[in-house]
């Protein structure tokens, strides 16, 4: 039974014999990098343009992965996580700027 499931996965049109498997698999590295940045880098170092590009990419590819045939759930999941981590990074930067603008206003 496991052998037949593995064969089905291996021979799937979005399986490991195709780029449709490997591209989203390696895209997980972007999310790993973003999670590491969240836990190790201060919010002031976040780049709005970079994170906006990642968020837009996640949104676009998540939609695309559900309308193509065959549906590529690996691409969908990595894209949703990309959108989520990029959105969180943007919110971190926004909160940082909001706090520092209000504290700068209090000092004057």
C-alpha atoms as a PDB file:
ATOM      1  CA  UNK A   1       0.000   0.000   0.000  1.00  0.00           C
ATOM      2  CA  UNK A   2       2.775   2.453   0.881  1.00  0.00           C
ATOM      3  CA  UNK A   3       4.492   1.516  -2.337  1.00  0.00           C
ATOM      4  CA  UNK A   4       1.415   2.355  -4.410  1.00  0.00           C
ATOM      5  CA  UNK A   5       0.994   5.708  -2.614  1.00  0.00           C
ATOM      6  CA  UNK A   6       4.645   6.512  -3.199  1.00  0.00           C
ATOM      7  CA  UNK A   7       4.315   5.549  -6.878  1.00  0.00           C
ATOM      8  CA  UNK A   8       1.251   7.790  -7.199  1.00  0.00           C
ATOM      9  CA  UNK A   9       3.134  10.682  -5.583  1.00  0.00           C
ATOM     10  CA  UNK A  10       6.278  10.069  -7.626  1.00  0.00           C
ATOM     11  CA  UNK A  11       4.408   9.897 -10.935  1.00  0.00           C
ATOM     12  CA  UNK A  12       2.007  12.773 -10.182  1.00  0.00           C
ATOM     13  CA  UNK A  13       2.085  15.661 -12.706  1.00  0.00           C
ATOM     14  CA  UNK A  14       3.291  17.918  -9.871  1.00  0.00           C
ATOM     15  CA  UNK A  15       5.498  15.234  -8.325  1.00  0.00           C
ATOM     16  CA  UNK A  16       9.249  15.145  -7.746  1.00  0.00           C
ATOM     17  CA  UNK A  17      10.043  14.352 -11.365  1.00  0.00           C
ATOM     18  CA  UNK A  18       8.930  17.871 -12.358  1.00  0.00           C
ATOM     19  CA  UNK A  19       9.877  21.478 -11.710  1.00  0.00           C
ATOM     20  CA  UNK A  20       6.340  21.946 -10.340  1.00  0.00           C
ATOM     21  CA  UNK A  21       7.484  20.077  -7.252  1.00  0.00           C
ATOM     22  CA  UNK A  22      11.006  21.436  -6.818  1.00  0.00           C
ATOM     23  CA  UNK A  23      10.342  25.161  -7.336  1.00  0.00           C
ATOM     24  CA  UNK A  24       7.875  25.461  -4.430  1.00  0.00           C
ATOM     25  CA  UNK A  25       9.977  23.120  -2.320  1.00  0.00           C
ATOM     26  CA  UNK A  26      12.995  25.411  -2.598  1.00  0.00           C
ATOM     27  CA  UNK A  27      10.761  28.464  -2.108  1.00  0.00           C
ATOM     28  CA  UNK A  28      10.350  27.284   1.482  1.00  0.00           C
ATOM     29  CA  UNK A  29      13.867  28.671   2.033  1.00  0.00           C
ATOM     30  CA  UNK A  30      12.428  32.199   1.691  1.00  0.00           C
ATOM     31  CA  UNK A  31      10.042  31.471   4.531  1.00  0.00           C
ATOM     32  CA  UNK A  32      12.775  29.974   6.676  1.00  0.00           C
ATOM     33  CA  UNK A  33      14.855  33.118   6.113  1.00  0.00           C
ATOM     34  CA  UNK A  34      11.899  35.328   7.027  1.00  0.00           C
ATOM     35  CA  UNK A  35      11.216  33.375  10.226  1.00  0.00           C
ATOM     36  CA  UNK A  36      14.891  33.593  11.191  1.00  0.00           C
ATOM     37  CA  UNK A  37      14.783  37.353  10.518  1.00  0.00           C
ATOM     38  CA  UNK A  38      11.684  37.688  12.691  1.00  0.00           C
ATOM     39  CA  UNK A  39      13.441  36.053  15.612  1.00  0.00           C
ATOM     40  CA  UNK A  40      16.920  37.571  15.226  1.00  0.00           C
ATOM     41  CA  UNK A  41      16.775  40.966  13.511  1.00  0.00           C
ATOM     42  CA  UNK A  42      15.315  44.203  14.831  1.00  0.00           C
ATOM     43  CA  UNK A  43      12.209  45.608  13.178  1.00  0.00           C
ATOM     44  CA  UNK A  44      13.996  48.718  11.907  1.00  0.00           C
ATOM     45  CA  UNK A  45      15.993  46.572   9.467  1.00  0.00           C
ATOM     46  CA  UNK A  46      12.873  45.271   7.692  1.00  0.00           C
ATOM     47  CA  UNK A  47      12.578  46.456   4.094  1.00  0.00           C
ATOM     48  CA  UNK A  48       9.070  47.521   3.055  1.00  0.00           C
ATOM     49  CA  UNK A  49       9.697  46.974  -0.692  1.00  0.00           C
ATOM     50  CA  UNK A  50      11.192  43.519  -0.163  1.00  0.00           C
ATOM     51  CA  UNK A  51       8.422  42.337   2.139  1.00  0.00           C
ATOM     52  CA  UNK A  52       5.722  43.866  -0.075  1.00  0.00           C
ATOM     53  CA  UNK A  53       7.161  41.977  -3.044  1.00  0.00           C
ATOM     54  CA  UNK A  54       7.148  38.739  -1.056  1.00  0.00           C
ATOM     55  CA  UNK A  55       3.569  39.338   0.115  1.00  0.00           C
ATOM     56  CA  UNK A  56       2.358  40.069  -3.421  1.00  0.00           C
ATOM     57  CA  UNK A  57       4.213  37.038  -4.733  1.00  0.00           C
ATOM     58  CA  UNK A  58       2.588  34.860  -2.090  1.00  0.00           C
ATOM     59  CA  UNK A  59      -0.869  36.181  -2.908  1.00  0.00           C
ATOM     60  CA  UNK A  60      -0.489  35.817  -6.673  1.00  0.00           C
ATOM     61  CA  UNK A  61       1.009  32.325  -6.583  1.00  0.00           C
ATOM     62  CA  UNK A  62      -1.497  31.081  -3.994  1.00  0.00           C
ATOM     63  CA  UNK A  63      -4.316  32.072  -6.332  1.00  0.00           C
ATOM     64  CA  UNK A  64      -2.532  30.636  -9.376  1.00  0.00           C
ATOM     65  CA  UNK A  65      -1.850  27.302  -7.677  1.00  0.00           C
ATOM     66  CA  UNK A  66      -5.583  26.717  -7.217  1.00  0.00           C
ATOM     67  CA  UNK A  67      -6.638  27.479 -10.797  1.00  0.00           C
ATOM     68  CA  UNK A  68      -4.038  25.404 -12.660  1.00  0.00           C
ATOM     69  CA  UNK A  69      -4.457  21.744 -13.500  1.00  0.00           C
ATOM     70  CA  UNK A  70      -3.328  19.781 -11.607  1.00  0.00           C
ATOM     71  CA  UNK A  71      -3.702  21.825  -8.448  1.00  0.00           C
ATOM     72  CA  UNK A  72      -0.325  22.281  -6.801  1.00  0.00           C
ATOM     73  CA  UNK A  73      -0.883  22.188  -3.042  1.00  0.00           C
ATOM     74  CA  UNK A  74       2.831  22.486  -2.272  1.00  0.00           C
ATOM     75  CA  UNK A  75       2.886  25.784  -4.173  1.00  0.00           C
ATOM     76  CA  UNK A  76      -0.322  26.887  -2.454  1.00  0.00           C
ATOM     77  CA  UNK A  77       0.982  26.180   1.048  1.00  0.00           C
ATOM     78  CA  UNK A  78       4.380  27.803   0.520  1.00  0.00           C
ATOM     79  CA  UNK A  79       2.687  30.854  -1.004  1.00  0.00           C
ATOM     80  CA  UNK A  80       0.267  31.264   1.910  1.00  0.00           C
ATOM     81  CA  UNK A  81       3.143  31.028   4.392  1.00  0.00           C
ATOM     82  CA  UNK A  82       5.143  33.534   2.300  1.00  0.00           C
ATOM     83  CA  UNK A  83       2.197  35.937   2.391  1.00  0.00           C
ATOM     84  CA  UNK A  84       1.800  35.451   6.149  1.00  0.00           C
ATOM     85  CA  UNK A  85       5.467  35.908   7.073  1.00  0.00           C
ATOM     86  CA  UNK A  86       5.878  38.940   4.815  1.00  0.00           C
ATOM     87  CA  UNK A  87       2.700  40.524   6.195  1.00  0.00           C
ATOM     88  CA  UNK A  88       3.942  39.946   9.724  1.00  0.00           C
ATOM     89  CA  UNK A  89       7.289  41.559   8.877  1.00  0.00           C
ATOM     90  CA  UNK A  90       5.479  44.593   7.433  1.00  0.00           C
ATOM     91  CA  UNK A  91       3.366  44.861  10.589  1.00  0.00           C
ATOM     92  CA  UNK A  92       6.512  44.655  12.766  1.00  0.00           C
ATOM     93  CA  UNK A  93       8.111  47.520  10.847  1.00  0.00           C
ATOM     94  CA  UNK A  94       4.907  49.578  10.943  1.00  0.00           C
ATOM     95  CA  UNK A  95       4.523  49.091  14.706  1.00  0.00           C
ATOM     96  CA  UNK A  96       8.181  49.982  15.251  1.00  0.00           C
ATOM     97  CA  UNK A  97       7.805  53.214  13.277  1.00  0.00           C
ATOM     98  CA  UNK A  98       4.541  54.065  15.012  1.00  0.00           C
ATOM     99  CA  UNK A  99       6.069  53.639  18.470  1.00  0.00           C
ATOM    100  CA  UNK A 100       9.211  55.592  17.609  1.00  0.00           C
ATOM    101  CA  UNK A 101       7.275  58.443  15.980  1.00  0.00           C
ATOM    102  CA  UNK A 102       5.070  58.812  19.057  1.00  0.00           C
ATOM    103  CA  UNK A 103       8.052  58.664  21.436  1.00  0.00           C
ATOM    104  CA  UNK A 104       9.920  61.207  19.288  1.00  0.00           C
ATOM    105  CA  UNK A 105       6.882  63.493  19.515  1.00  0.00           C
ATOM    106  CA  UNK A 106       6.851  63.226  23.310  1.00  0.00           C
ATOM    107  CA  UNK A 107      10.500  64.293  23.548  1.00  0.00           C
ATOM    108  CA  UNK A 108       9.887  67.591  21.740  1.00  0.00           C
END
